[in-house]
Amino acid sequence: MKLVNYIKGTYDELAHKVTWPTASALQDSVVKVCVASLIIILIVLVMDLLFNTIMKVMFF
């Protein structure tokens, strides 16, 4: 009985109380995440190349 009530309550909340993003809002969020990921990738790449260069100069 508790399981049935839980499932009904979960469905009711998902179907009627949750606000889902629009397609354009979702697309905007995806673009922001991709741009942020690329920026972080570039920062890590530059740090790695810089560290690699410093280590070569110091030890070789």
Protein backbone atom coordinates (compact mmCIF):
# COMPACT_ATOMS: atom_id res chain seq x y z
CA MET A 1 0.00 0.00 0.00
CA LYS A 2 2.82 2.41 0.86
CA LEU A 3 4.56 1.60 -2.41
CA VAL A 4 1.44 2.34 -4.44
CA ASN A 5 0.95 5.67 -2.65
CA TYR A 6 4.60 6.51 -3.20
CA ILE A 7 4.35 5.78 -6.94
CA LYS A 8 1.13 7.82 -7.25
CA GLY A 9 2.67 10.73 -5.36
CA THR A 10 5.81 10.60 -7.47
CA TYR A 11 3.79 10.58 -10.69
CA ASP A 12 1.61 13.46 -9.49
CA GLU A 13 4.66 15.54 -8.61
CA LEU A 14 6.41 14.86 -11.91
CA ALA A 15 3.31 15.40 -14.00
CA HIS A 16 1.82 18.45 -12.28
CA LYS A 17 4.25 20.18 -9.92
CA VAL A 18 7.58 20.09 -11.75
CA THR A 19 8.31 22.87 -14.23
CA TRP A 20 10.21 21.48 -17.19
CA PRO A 21 12.51 23.73 -19.22
CA THR A 22 11.48 24.79 -22.68
CA ALA A 23 13.43 23.55 -25.68
CA SER A 24 15.12 26.93 -26.14
CA ALA A 25 16.08 27.15 -22.45
CA LEU A 26 17.50 23.64 -22.60
CA GLN A 27 19.45 24.45 -25.77
CA ASP A 28 20.80 27.62 -24.12
CA SER A 29 21.98 25.59 -21.11
CA VAL A 30 23.66 23.02 -23.34
CA VAL A 31 25.53 25.75 -25.21
CA LYS A 32 26.69 27.33 -21.93
CA VAL A 33 27.93 23.98 -20.61
CA CYS A 34 29.79 23.23 -23.86
CA VAL A 35 31.46 26.66 -23.89
CA ALA A 36 32.45 26.37 -20.23
CA SER A 37 33.85 22.88 -20.87
CA LEU A 38 35.93 24.11 -23.79
CA ILE A 39 37.30 27.00 -21.71
CA ILE A 40 38.28 24.62 -18.91
CA ILE A 41 39.88 22.24 -21.43
CA LEU A 42 41.95 25.09 -22.87
CA ILE A 43 43.04 26.26 -19.42
CA VAL A 44 44.15 22.74 -18.45
CA LEU A 45 45.93 22.30 -21.80
CA VAL A 46 47.87 25.54 -21.37
CA MET A 47 48.78 24.63 -17.79
CA ASP A 48 49.94 21.18 -18.90
CA LEU A 49 52.06 22.54 -21.75
CA LEU A 50 53.56 25.19 -19.48
CA PHE A 51 54.37 22.66 -16.77
CA ASN A 52 55.85 20.29 -19.34
CA THR A 53 58.07 23.05 -20.73
CA ILE A 54 59.23 24.07 -17.24
CA MET A 55 60.06 20.48 -16.35
CA LYS A 56 62.06 20.02 -19.58
CA VAL A 57 64.03 23.20 -18.90
CA MET A 58 64.75 22.26 -15.29
CA PHE A 59 65.63 18.59 -15.71
CA PHE A 60 66.91 18.06 -19.26
